[in-house]
PDB file of N, CA and C in Angstrom:
ATOM      1  N   MET A   1     -16.200 -19.685 -17.655  1.00  0.00           N
ATOM      2  CA  MET A   1     -17.352 -19.109 -17.875  1.00  0.00           C
ATOM      3  C   MET A   1     -18.412 -20.046 -18.404  1.00  0.00           C
ATOM      4  N   THR A   2     -19.702 -20.065 -17.934  1.00  0.00           N
ATOM      5  CA  THR A   2     -20.693 -21.014 -18.410  1.00  0.00           C
ATOM      6  C   THR A   2     -21.391 -20.282 -19.675  1.00  0.00           C
ATOM      7  N   ARG A   3     -22.190 -21.061 -20.307  1.00  0.00           N
ATOM      8  CA  ARG A   3     -22.917 -20.643 -21.439  1.00  0.00           C
ATOM      9  C   ARG A   3     -24.000 -19.586 -20.934  1.00  0.00           C
ATOM     10  N   ASN A   4     -24.414 -19.885 -19.886  1.00  0.00           N
ATOM     11  CA  ASN A   4     -25.584 -18.973 -19.424  1.00  0.00           C
ATOM     12  C   ASN A   4     -24.988 -17.477 -19.034  1.00  0.00           C
ATOM     13  N   MET A   5     -23.834 -17.694 -18.476  1.00  0.00           N
ATOM     14  CA  MET A   5     -23.140 -16.343 -18.182  1.00  0.00           C
ATOM     15  C   MET A   5     -22.872 -15.402 -19.434  1.00  0.00           C
ATOM     16  N   LEU A   6     -22.548 -16.027 -20.503  1.00  0.00           N
ATOM     17  CA  LEU A   6     -22.303 -15.325 -21.642  1.00  0.00           C
ATOM     18  C   LEU A   6     -23.590 -14.785 -22.348  1.00  0.00           C
ATOM     19  N   LYS A   7     -24.736 -15.150 -22.026  1.00  0.00           N
ATOM     20  CA  LYS A   7     -26.025 -14.752 -22.367  1.00  0.00           C
ATOM     21  C   LYS A   7     -26.422 -13.464 -21.380  1.00  0.00           C
ATOM     22  N   MET A   8     -25.733 -13.199 -20.334  1.00  0.00           N
ATOM     23  CA  MET A   8     -26.240 -12.303 -19.394  1.00  0.00           C
ATOM     24  C   MET A   8     -25.779 -10.921 -19.858  1.00  0.00           C
ATOM     25  N   PRO A   9     -26.562  -9.885 -19.564  1.00  0.00           N
ATOM     26  CA  PRO A   9     -26.240  -8.372 -19.945  1.00  0.00           C
ATOM     27  C   PRO A   9     -24.806  -8.172 -19.137  1.00  0.00           C
ATOM     28  N   VAL A  10     -24.025  -7.225 -19.931  1.00  0.00           N
ATOM     29  CA  VAL A  10     -22.631  -7.062 -19.349  1.00  0.00           C
ATOM     30  C   VAL A  10     -22.749  -6.460 -17.877  1.00  0.00           C
ATOM     31  N   ALA A  11     -23.619  -5.652 -17.752  1.00  0.00           N
ATOM     32  CA  ALA A  11     -23.633  -5.052 -16.295  1.00  0.00           C
ATOM     33  C   ALA A  11     -23.940  -6.003 -15.236  1.00  0.00           C
ATOM     34  N   THR A  12     -24.898  -7.039 -15.523  1.00  0.00           N
ATOM     35  CA  THR A  12     -25.106  -8.083 -14.557  1.00  0.00           C
ATOM     36  C   THR A  12     -23.850  -8.873 -14.370  1.00  0.00           C
ATOM     37  N   LEU A  13     -23.161  -9.410 -15.479  1.00  0.00           N
ATOM     38  CA  LEU A  13     -22.022 -10.200 -15.337  1.00  0.00           C
ATOM     39  C   LEU A  13     -20.847  -9.317 -14.559  1.00  0.00           C
ATOM     40  N   ALA A  14     -20.710  -8.072 -14.769  1.00  0.00           N
ATOM     41  CA  ALA A  14     -19.775  -7.147 -14.144  1.00  0.00           C
ATOM     42  C   ALA A  14     -20.051  -7.107 -12.608  1.00  0.00           C
ATOM     43  N   ILE A  15     -21.402  -7.166 -12.147  1.00  0.00           N
ATOM     44  CA  ILE A  15     -21.823  -7.049 -10.848  1.00  0.00           C
ATOM     45  C   ILE A  15     -21.483  -8.522 -10.095  1.00  0.00           C
ATOM     46  N   LEU A  16     -21.733  -9.519 -10.828  1.00  0.00           N
ATOM     47  CA  LEU A  16     -21.456 -10.915 -10.346  1.00  0.00           C
ATOM     48  C   LEU A  16     -19.982 -11.041 -10.149  1.00  0.00           C
ATOM     49  N   LEU A  17     -19.249 -10.633 -11.081  1.00  0.00           N
ATOM     50  CA  LEU A  17     -17.646 -10.708 -10.903  1.00  0.00           C
ATOM     51  C   LEU A  17     -17.188  -9.824  -9.817  1.00  0.00           C
ATOM     52  N   ALA A  18     -17.700  -8.648  -9.687  1.00  0.00           N
ATOM     53  CA  ALA A  18     -17.269  -7.807  -8.659  1.00  0.00           C
ATOM     54  C   ALA A  18     -17.617  -8.394  -7.225  1.00  0.00           C
ATOM     55  N   LEU A  19     -18.754  -9.118  -7.100  1.00  0.00           N
ATOM     56  CA  LEU A  19     -19.082  -9.763  -5.786  1.00  0.00           C
ATOM     57  C   LEU A  19     -18.306 -10.883  -5.501  1.00  0.00           C
ATOM     58  N   THR A  20     -17.668 -11.602  -6.466  1.00  0.00           N
ATOM     59  CA  THR A  20     -16.789 -12.727  -6.173  1.00  0.00           C
ATOM     60  C   THR A  20     -15.402 -12.333  -5.920  1.00  0.00           C
ATOM     61  N   MET A  21     -15.085 -11.159  -6.167  1.00  0.00           N
ATOM     62  CA  MET A  21     -13.610 -10.669  -5.833  1.00  0.00           C
ATOM     63  C   MET A  21     -13.682  -9.972  -4.406  1.00  0.00           C
ATOM     64  N   PRO A  22     -12.638 -10.296  -3.758  1.00  0.00           N
ATOM     65  CA  PRO A  22     -12.429  -9.657  -2.353  1.00  0.00           C
ATOM     66  C   PRO A  22     -12.334  -8.031  -2.442  1.00  0.00           C
ATOM     67  N   SER A  23     -13.255  -7.369  -1.680  1.00  0.00           N
ATOM     68  CA  SER A  23     -13.127  -5.992  -1.846  1.00  0.00           C
ATOM     69  C   SER A  23     -11.804  -5.441  -1.002  1.00  0.00           C
ATOM     70  N   PHE A  24     -11.474  -4.148  -1.308  1.00  0.00           N
ATOM     71  CA  PHE A  24     -10.343  -3.644  -0.468  1.00  0.00           C
ATOM     72  C   PHE A  24     -10.624  -3.586   0.921  1.00  0.00           C
ATOM     73  N   ALA A  25     -11.727  -3.437   1.381  1.00  0.00           N
ATOM     74  CA  ALA A  25     -12.114  -3.254   2.761  1.00  0.00           C
ATOM     75  C   ALA A  25     -11.805  -4.629   3.432  1.00  0.00           C
ATOM     76  N   GLU A  26     -12.090  -5.777   2.788  1.00  0.00           N
ATOM     77  CA  GLU A  26     -11.836  -6.993   3.232  1.00  0.00           C
ATOM     78  C   GLU A  26     -10.274  -7.249   3.418  1.00  0.00           C
ATOM     79  N   GLU A  27      -9.732  -6.954   2.214  1.00  0.00           N
ATOM     80  CA  GLU A  27      -8.202  -7.040   2.395  1.00  0.00           C
ATOM     81  C   GLU A  27      -7.519  -6.275   3.303  1.00  0.00           C
ATOM     82  N   ALA A  28      -7.905  -4.908   3.524  1.00  0.00           N
ATOM     83  CA  ALA A  28      -7.386  -4.015   4.526  1.00  0.00           C
ATOM     84  C   ALA A  28      -7.816  -4.631   6.009  1.00  0.00           C
ATOM     85  N   GLY A  29      -9.146  -5.051   6.078  1.00  0.00           N
ATOM     86  CA  GLY A  29      -9.534  -5.732   7.432  1.00  0.00           C
ATOM     87  C   GLY A  29      -8.449  -6.761   7.842  1.00  0.00           C
ATOM     88  N   GLN A  30      -8.119  -7.694   6.828  1.00  0.00           N
ATOM     89  CA  GLN A  30      -7.360  -8.759   7.041  1.00  0.00           C
ATOM     90  C   GLN A  30      -5.832  -8.367   7.297  1.00  0.00           C
ATOM     91  N   ALA A  31      -5.470  -7.315   6.685  1.00  0.00           N
ATOM     92  CA  ALA A  31      -4.059  -6.712   6.871  1.00  0.00           C
ATOM     93  C   ALA A  31      -4.033  -6.135   8.229  1.00  0.00           C
ATOM     94  N   TYR A  32      -5.048  -5.437   8.678  1.00  0.00           N
ATOM     95  CA  TYR A  32      -5.146  -4.839  10.059  1.00  0.00           C
ATOM     96  C   TYR A  32      -5.106  -5.837  11.108  1.00  0.00           C
ATOM     97  N   MET A  33      -5.850  -6.796  10.897  1.00  0.00           N
ATOM     98  CA  MET A  33      -5.953  -8.033  11.880  1.00  0.00           C
ATOM     99  C   MET A  33      -4.522  -8.694  11.961  1.00  0.00           C
ATOM    100  N   LYS A  34      -3.935  -9.028  10.824  1.00  0.00           N
ATOM    101  CA  LYS A  34      -2.735  -9.607  10.832  1.00  0.00           C
ATOM    102  C   LYS A  34      -1.670  -8.576  11.537  1.00  0.00           C
ATOM    103  N   SER A  35      -1.669  -7.477  11.258  1.00  0.00           N
ATOM    104  CA  SER A  35      -0.814  -6.491  11.892  1.00  0.00           C
ATOM    105  C   SER A  35      -0.987  -6.485  13.472  1.00  0.00           C
ATOM    106  N   MET A  36      -2.224  -6.353  13.856  1.00  0.00           N
ATOM    107  CA  MET A  36      -2.651  -6.402  15.230  1.00  0.00           C
ATOM    108  C   MET A  36      -2.128  -7.762  15.856  1.00  0.00           C
ATOM    109  N   GLU A  37      -2.347  -8.814  15.281  1.00  0.00           N
ATOM    110  CA  GLU A  37      -1.982 -10.202  15.760  1.00  0.00           C
ATOM    111  C   GLU A  37      -0.547 -10.213  16.040  1.00  0.00           C
ATOM    112  N   LYS A  38       0.182  -9.777  15.099  1.00  0.00           N
ATOM    113  CA  LYS A  38       1.731  -9.937  15.136  1.00  0.00           C
ATOM    114  C   LYS A  38       2.103  -8.845  16.170  1.00  0.00           C
ATOM    115  N   MET A  39       1.610  -7.620  16.276  1.00  0.00           N
ATOM    116  CA  MET A  39       2.002  -6.750  17.147  1.00  0.00           C
ATOM    117  C   MET A  39       1.972  -7.236  18.650  1.00  0.00           C
ATOM    118  N   ASN A  40       0.558  -7.859  18.975  1.00  0.00           N
ATOM    119  CA  ASN A  40       0.463  -8.337  20.273  1.00  0.00           C
ATOM    120  C   ASN A  40       1.398  -9.480  20.591  1.00  0.00           C
ATOM    121  N   ALA A  41       1.615 -10.415  19.682  1.00  0.00           N
ATOM    122  CA  ALA A  41       2.548 -11.502  19.961  1.00  0.00           C
ATOM    123  C   ALA A  41       3.865 -10.970  20.248  1.00  0.00           C
ATOM    124  N   ASP A  42       4.393  -9.857  19.399  1.00  0.00           N
ATOM    125  CA  ASP A  42       5.726  -9.393  19.640  1.00  0.00           C
ATOM    126  C   ASP A  42       5.810  -8.584  20.891  1.00  0.00           C
ATOM    127  N   MET A  43       4.668  -7.955  21.283  1.00  0.00           N
ATOM    128  CA  MET A  43       4.642  -7.182  22.470  1.00  0.00           C
ATOM    129  C   MET A  43       4.962  -8.230  23.690  1.00  0.00           C
ATOM    130  N   LYS A  44       4.178  -9.295  23.554  1.00  0.00           N
ATOM    131  CA  LYS A  44       4.296 -10.316  24.733  1.00  0.00           C
ATOM    132  C   LYS A  44       5.783 -10.892  24.825  1.00  0.00           C
ATOM    133  N   LYS A  45       6.333 -10.951  23.668  1.00  0.00           N
ATOM    134  CA  LYS A  45       7.880 -11.332  23.601  1.00  0.00           C
ATOM    135  C   LYS A  45       8.837 -10.284  24.311  1.00  0.00           C
ATOM    136  N   GLY A  46       8.264  -9.052  24.350  1.00  0.00           N
ATOM    137  CA  GLY A  46       9.060  -8.105  25.076  1.00  0.00           C
ATOM    138  C   GLY A  46       8.957  -7.916  26.504  1.00  0.00           C
ATOM    139  N   MET A  47       8.212  -8.864  27.146  1.00  0.00           N
ATOM    140  CA  MET A  47       8.051  -8.806  28.530  1.00  0.00           C
ATOM    141  C   MET A  47       9.359  -9.166  29.193  1.00  0.00           C
ATOM    142  N   ASP A  48       9.728  -8.224  30.244  1.00  0.00           N
ATOM    143  CA  ASP A  48      10.933  -8.432  30.948  1.00  0.00           C
ATOM    144  C   ASP A  48      10.752  -8.028  32.393  1.00  0.00           C
ATOM    145  N   PRO A  49      11.629  -8.641  33.281  1.00  0.00           N
ATOM    146  CA  PRO A  49      11.404  -8.428  34.652  1.00  0.00           C
ATOM    147  C   PRO A  49      11.532  -6.818  35.052  1.00  0.00           C
ATOM    148  N   ASP A  50      12.514  -6.217  34.190  1.00  0.00           N
ATOM    149  CA  ASP A  50      12.628  -4.855  34.273  1.00  0.00           C
ATOM    150  C   ASP A  50      11.557  -3.992  33.605  1.00  0.00           C
ATOM    151  N   ALA A  51      10.872  -3.203  34.311  1.00  0.00           N
ATOM    152  CA  ALA A  51       9.856  -2.431  33.707  1.00  0.00           C
ATOM    153  C   ALA A  51      10.077  -1.555  32.522  1.00  0.00           C
ATOM    154  N   THR A  52      11.216  -0.865  32.705  1.00  0.00           N
ATOM    155  CA  THR A  52      11.801  -0.037  31.887  1.00  0.00           C
ATOM    156  C   THR A  52      12.139  -0.725  30.489  1.00  0.00           C
ATOM    157  N   LYS A  53      12.822  -1.839  30.604  1.00  0.00           N
ATOM    158  CA  LYS A  53      13.277  -2.696  29.474  1.00  0.00           C
ATOM    159  C   LYS A  53      11.903  -3.142  28.787  1.00  0.00           C
ATOM    160  N   ALA A  54      11.014  -3.644  29.594  1.00  0.00           N
ATOM    161  CA  ALA A  54       9.757  -4.248  28.976  1.00  0.00           C
ATOM    162  C   ALA A  54       9.149  -3.109  28.201  1.00  0.00           C
ATOM    163  N   TRP A  55       8.929  -2.061  28.780  1.00  0.00           N
ATOM    164  CA  TRP A  55       8.240  -0.885  27.993  1.00  0.00           C
ATOM    165  C   TRP A  55       8.933  -0.642  26.795  1.00  0.00           C
ATOM    166  N   ALA A  56      10.214  -0.500  26.646  1.00  0.00           N
ATOM    167  CA  ALA A  56      11.040  -0.108  25.421  1.00  0.00           C
ATOM    168  C   ALA A  56      10.857  -1.237  24.536  1.00  0.00           C
ATOM    169  N   LYS A  57      10.929  -2.528  24.894  1.00  0.00           N
ATOM    170  CA  LYS A  57      10.763  -3.614  23.932  1.00  0.00           C
ATOM    171  C   LYS A  57       9.369  -3.833  23.420  1.00  0.00           C
ATOM    172  N   MET A  58       8.386  -3.494  24.384  1.00  0.00           N
ATOM    173  CA  MET A  58       6.864  -3.629  23.726  1.00  0.00           C
ATOM    174  C   MET A  58       6.565  -2.420  22.866  1.00  0.00           C
ATOM    175  N   MET A  59       7.243  -1.312  23.080  1.00  0.00           N
ATOM    176  CA  MET A  59       7.110  -0.125  22.275  1.00  0.00           C
ATOM    177  C   MET A  59       7.533  -0.389  20.856  1.00  0.00           C
ATOM    178  N   VAL A  60       8.740  -0.801  20.727  1.00  0.00           N
ATOM    179  CA  VAL A  60       9.150  -1.364  19.361  1.00  0.00           C
ATOM    180  C   VAL A  60       8.048  -2.045  18.582  1.00  0.00           C
ATOM    181  N   ALA A  61       7.588  -3.072  19.328  1.00  0.00           N
ATOM    182  CA  ALA A  61       6.550  -3.795  18.617  1.00  0.00           C
ATOM    183  C   ALA A  61       5.138  -3.015  18.312  1.00  0.00           C
ATOM    184  N   HIS A  62       4.987  -2.136  19.335  1.00  0.00           N
ATOM    185  CA  HIS A  62       3.718  -1.407  19.149  1.00  0.00           C
ATOM    186  C   HIS A  62       3.811  -0.327  18.005  1.00  0.00           C
ATOM    187  N   HIS A  63       4.998   0.187  17.847  1.00  0.00           N
ATOM    188  CA  HIS A  63       5.324   1.023  16.776  1.00  0.00           C
ATOM    189  C   HIS A  63       5.315   0.340  15.414  1.00  0.00           C
ATOM    190  N   GLN A  64       5.849  -0.787  15.402  1.00  0.00           N
ATOM    191  CA  GLN A  64       5.843  -1.710  14.092  1.00  0.00           C
ATOM    192  C   GLN A  64       4.463  -1.870  13.765  1.00  0.00           C
ATOM    193  N   GLY A  65       3.574  -2.078  14.720  1.00  0.00           N
ATOM    194  CA  GLY A  65       2.089  -2.314  14.351  1.00  0.00           C
ATOM    195  C   GLY A  65       1.469  -1.012  13.737  1.00  0.00           C
ATOM    196  N   ALA A  66       1.756   0.108  14.363  1.00  0.00           N
ATOM    197  CA  ALA A  66       1.334   1.425  13.833  1.00  0.00           C
ATOM    198  C   ALA A  66       1.878   1.676  12.253  1.00  0.00           C
ATOM    199  N   ILE A  67       3.211   1.345  12.209  1.00  0.00           N
ATOM    200  CA  ILE A  67       3.717   1.361  10.687  1.00  0.00           C
ATOM    201  C   ILE A  67       2.974   0.504   9.754  1.00  0.00           C
ATOM    202  N   GLU A  68       2.642  -0.656  10.076  1.00  0.00           N
ATOM    203  CA  GLU A  68       2.046  -1.568   9.143  1.00  0.00           C
ATOM    204  C   GLU A  68       0.649  -1.166   8.904  1.00  0.00           C
ATOM    205  N   MET A  69      -0.163  -0.691   9.935  1.00  0.00           N
ATOM    206  CA  MET A  69      -1.301  -0.286   9.699  1.00  0.00           C
ATOM    207  C   MET A  69      -1.524   1.114   8.988  1.00  0.00           C
ATOM    208  N   SER A  70      -0.441   1.909   9.074  1.00  0.00           N
ATOM    209  CA  SER A  70      -0.336   3.199   8.294  1.00  0.00           C
ATOM    210  C   SER A  70      -0.222   2.766   6.850  1.00  0.00           C
ATOM    211  N   GLN A  71       0.627   1.873   6.660  1.00  0.00           N
ATOM    212  CA  GLN A  71       1.055   1.363   5.138  1.00  0.00           C
ATOM    213  C   GLN A  71      -0.074   0.902   4.562  1.00  0.00           C
ATOM    214  N   THR A  72      -1.112   0.101   5.364  1.00  0.00           N
ATOM    215  CA  THR A  72      -2.172  -0.466   4.838  1.00  0.00           C
ATOM    216  C   THR A  72      -3.204   0.621   4.338  1.00  0.00           C
ATOM    217  N   VAL A  73      -3.431   1.841   5.108  1.00  0.00           N
ATOM    218  CA  VAL A  73      -4.321   2.723   4.839  1.00  0.00           C
ATOM    219  C   VAL A  73      -3.875   3.555   3.598  1.00  0.00           C
ATOM    220  N   LEU A  74      -2.513   3.728   3.578  1.00  0.00           N
ATOM    221  CA  LEU A  74      -1.931   4.494   2.473  1.00  0.00           C
ATOM    222  C   LEU A  74      -2.196   3.812   1.021  1.00  0.00           C
ATOM    223  N   LYS A  75      -2.371   2.451   0.999  1.00  0.00           N
ATOM    224  CA  LYS A  75      -2.631   1.758  -0.161  1.00  0.00           C
ATOM    225  C   LYS A  75      -3.899   2.250  -0.801  1.00  0.00           C
ATOM    226  N   GLU A  76      -4.759   2.654  -0.026  1.00  0.00           N
ATOM    227  CA  GLU A  76      -6.096   2.914  -0.534  1.00  0.00           C
ATOM    228  C   GLU A  76      -6.668   4.370  -0.515  1.00  0.00           C
ATOM    229  N   THR A  77      -6.296   4.969   0.844  1.00  0.00           N
ATOM    230  CA  THR A  77      -7.033   6.208   1.112  1.00  0.00           C
ATOM    231  C   THR A  77      -6.749   7.264   0.197  1.00  0.00           C
ATOM    232  N   LYS A  78      -7.596   8.210  -0.168  1.00  0.00           N
ATOM    233  CA  LYS A  78      -7.452   9.409  -0.874  1.00  0.00           C
ATOM    234  C   LYS A  78      -7.660  10.548   0.014  1.00  0.00           C
ATOM    235  N   ASP A  79      -8.109  10.393   1.354  1.00  0.00           N
ATOM    236  CA  ASP A  79      -8.236  11.448   2.086  1.00  0.00           C
ATOM    237  C   ASP A  79      -6.897  12.112   2.633  1.00  0.00           C
ATOM    238  N   PRO A  80      -6.637  13.426   2.230  1.00  0.00           N
ATOM    239  CA  PRO A  80      -5.499  14.038   2.416  1.00  0.00           C
ATOM    240  C   PRO A  80      -5.041  14.164   3.810  1.00  0.00           C
ATOM    241  N   MET A  81      -6.094  14.418   4.809  1.00  0.00           N
ATOM    242  CA  MET A  81      -5.613  14.422   6.162  1.00  0.00           C
ATOM    243  C   MET A  81      -5.140  12.875   6.669  1.00  0.00           C
ATOM    244  N   ILE A  82      -5.927  11.949   6.332  1.00  0.00           N
ATOM    245  CA  ILE A  82      -5.435  10.718   6.749  1.00  0.00           C
ATOM    246  C   ILE A  82      -4.094  10.333   6.088  1.00  0.00           C
ATOM    247  N   ARG A  83      -3.955  10.619   4.890  1.00  0.00           N
ATOM    248  CA  ARG A  83      -2.594  10.305   4.072  1.00  0.00           C
ATOM    249  C   ARG A  83      -1.623  11.093   4.840  1.00  0.00           C
ATOM    250  N   GLU A  84      -1.732  12.361   5.153  1.00  0.00           N
ATOM    251  CA  GLU A  84      -0.719  13.122   5.895  1.00  0.00           C
ATOM    252  C   GLU A  84      -0.376  12.423   7.264  1.00  0.00           C
ATOM    253  N   MET A  85      -1.398  12.117   8.076  1.00  0.00           N
ATOM    254  CA  MET A  85      -1.212  11.495   9.295  1.00  0.00           C
ATOM    255  C   MET A  85      -0.516   9.984   9.237  1.00  0.00           C
ATOM    256  N   ALA A  86      -0.969   9.352   8.241  1.00  0.00           N
ATOM    257  CA  ALA A  86      -0.465   8.031   8.089  1.00  0.00           C
ATOM    258  C   ALA A  86       1.181   8.024   7.771  1.00  0.00           C
ATOM    259  N   GLU A  87       1.552   8.996   6.842  1.00  0.00           N
ATOM    260  CA  GLU A  87       2.883   9.269   6.268  1.00  0.00           C
ATOM    261  C   GLU A  87       3.621   9.698   7.524  1.00  0.00           C
ATOM    262  N   LYS A  88       3.065  10.592   8.182  1.00  0.00           N
ATOM    263  CA  LYS A  88       3.709  11.111   9.529  1.00  0.00           C
ATOM    264  C   LYS A  88       3.963   9.919  10.569  1.00  0.00           C
ATOM    265  N   ALA A  89       3.042   9.258  10.766  1.00  0.00           N
ATOM    266  CA  ALA A  89       3.021   8.006  11.671  1.00  0.00           C
ATOM    267  C   ALA A  89       4.241   7.058  11.319  1.00  0.00           C
ATOM    268  N   VAL A  90       4.277   6.857   9.870  1.00  0.00           N
ATOM    269  CA  VAL A  90       5.312   5.889   9.514  1.00  0.00           C
ATOM    270  C   VAL A  90       6.769   6.524   9.799  1.00  0.00           C
ATOM    271  N   LYS A  91       6.856   7.842   9.416  1.00  0.00           N
ATOM    272  CA  LYS A  91       8.245   8.458   9.742  1.00  0.00           C
ATOM    273  C   LYS A  91       8.560   8.623  11.251  1.00  0.00           C
ATOM    274  N   ASP A  92       7.585   8.862  11.991  1.00  0.00           N
ATOM    275  CA  ASP A  92       7.683   9.254  13.325  1.00  0.00           C
ATOM    276  C   ASP A  92       8.041   7.870  14.157  1.00  0.00           C
ATOM    277  N   GLN A  93       7.214   6.908  13.886  1.00  0.00           N
ATOM    278  CA  GLN A  93       7.209   5.709  14.547  1.00  0.00           C
ATOM    279  C   GLN A  93       8.635   4.873  14.191  1.00  0.00           C
ATOM    280  N   THR A  94       9.010   5.026  12.871  1.00  0.00           N
ATOM    281  CA  THR A  94      10.396   4.468  12.372  1.00  0.00           C
ATOM    282  C   THR A  94      11.359   5.026  13.180  1.00  0.00           C
ATOM    283  N   GLN A  95      11.370   6.330  13.366  1.00  0.00           N
ATOM    284  CA  GLN A  95      12.370   7.124  14.240  1.00  0.00           C
ATOM    285  C   GLN A  95      12.450   6.695  15.645  1.00  0.00           C
ATOM    286  N   GLU A  96      11.234   6.634  16.127  1.00  0.00           N
ATOM    287  CA  GLU A  96      11.164   6.208  17.672  1.00  0.00           C
ATOM    288  C   GLU A  96      11.538   4.750  17.755  1.00  0.00           C
ATOM    289  N   GLN A  97      11.302   3.893  16.818  1.00  0.00           N
ATOM    290  CA  GLN A  97      11.806   2.583  16.879  1.00  0.00           C
ATOM    291  C   GLN A  97      13.381   2.505  16.796  1.00  0.00           C
ATOM    292  N   THR A  98      13.941   3.221  16.095  1.00  0.00           N
ATOM    293  CA  THR A  98      15.414   3.215  15.913  1.00  0.00           C
ATOM    294  C   THR A  98      15.902   3.736  17.394  1.00  0.00           C
ATOM    295  N   THR A  99      15.521   4.852  17.825  1.00  0.00           N
ATOM    296  CA  THR A  99      15.879   5.194  19.193  1.00  0.00           C
ATOM    297  C   THR A  99      15.628   4.262  20.267  1.00  0.00           C
ATOM    298  N   LEU A 100      14.508   3.642  20.344  1.00  0.00           N
ATOM    299  CA  LEU A 100      14.317   2.579  21.413  1.00  0.00           C
ATOM    300  C   LEU A 100      15.255   1.327  21.157  1.00  0.00           C
ATOM    301  N   LYS A 101      15.568   0.970  19.912  1.00  0.00           N
ATOM    302  CA  LYS A 101      16.517  -0.188  19.716  1.00  0.00           C
ATOM    303  C   LYS A 101      17.734   0.163  20.180  1.00  0.00           C
ATOM    304  N   GLU A 102      18.366   1.462  19.907  1.00  0.00           N
ATOM    305  CA  GLU A 102      19.468   1.830  20.326  1.00  0.00           C
ATOM    306  C   GLU A 102      19.622   1.806  21.874  1.00  0.00           C
ATOM    307  N   TRP A 103      18.498   2.321  22.589  1.00  0.00           N
ATOM    308  CA  TRP A 103      18.711   2.274  24.035  1.00  0.00           C
ATOM    309  C   TRP A 103      18.649   0.813  24.520  1.00  0.00           C
ATOM    310  N   ILE A 104      17.873  -0.055  23.952  1.00  0.00           N
ATOM    311  CA  ILE A 104      17.951  -1.598  24.292  1.00  0.00           C
ATOM    312  C   ILE A 104      19.187  -2.031  24.211  1.00  0.00           C
ATOM    313  N   GLY A 105      19.893  -1.801  23.066  1.00  0.00           N
ATOM    314  CA  GLY A 105      21.262  -2.372  22.840  1.00  0.00           C
ATOM    315  C   GLY A 105      22.210  -1.811  23.902  1.00  0.00           C
ATOM    316  N   LYS A 106      21.961  -0.661  24.378  1.00  0.00           N
ATOM    317  CA  LYS A 106      23.057  -0.006  25.299  1.00  0.00           C
ATOM    318  C   LYS A 106      22.768  -0.526  26.676  1.00  0.00           C
ATOM    319  N   HIS A 107      21.492  -0.929  26.968  1.00  0.00           N
ATOM    320  CA  HIS A 107      21.046  -1.413  28.254  1.00  0.00           C
ATOM    321  C   HIS A 107      20.794  -2.906  28.450  1.00  0.00           C
ATOM    322  N   GLY A 108      21.355  -3.809  27.596  1.00  0.00           N
ATOM    323  CA  GLY A 108      21.399  -5.179  27.676  1.00  0.00           C
ATOM    324  C   GLY A 108      20.002  -5.677  27.588  1.00  0.00           C
ATOM    325  N   GLY A 109      19.288  -5.173  26.582  1.00  0.00           N
ATOM    326  CA  GLY A 109      17.978  -5.701  26.447  1.00  0.00           C
ATOM    327  C   GLY A 109      17.829  -6.991  25.741  1.00  0.00           C
TER     328      GLY A 109
END
C-alpha cells in the first residue's frame, strides 16, 4: 500500500480494492466458459460411426457440462427457484450419466 493510499478516505480505498478484485460474475463466466469448452471437446471425442453409440457418448459429456454449470450457479445464487432447478439438474444429470455409461459398457462403447 502506498503512502497516498493511506491518506484516502476508507470508502474510496474500499472501492478501489473492490475494483481490483475479480467479481463473482467474472469468475462464474470463466467457470461457465471452461465447462462449455470441456463439454464441447468431450462431445467431439464421443463421435462414433454408430449413431446410437455416438449419441450416448456425447450425452454423457453434455450432462457433465450441465452438472458443472449447475454447480457454478449454486455457489452464488440465492434465488430459490434457480437453486432448486440447479440441484435437480445435478441429481438428474448424474443419474442419466450413470445409465448411459452402463449402456455404453454393455454395447461395446
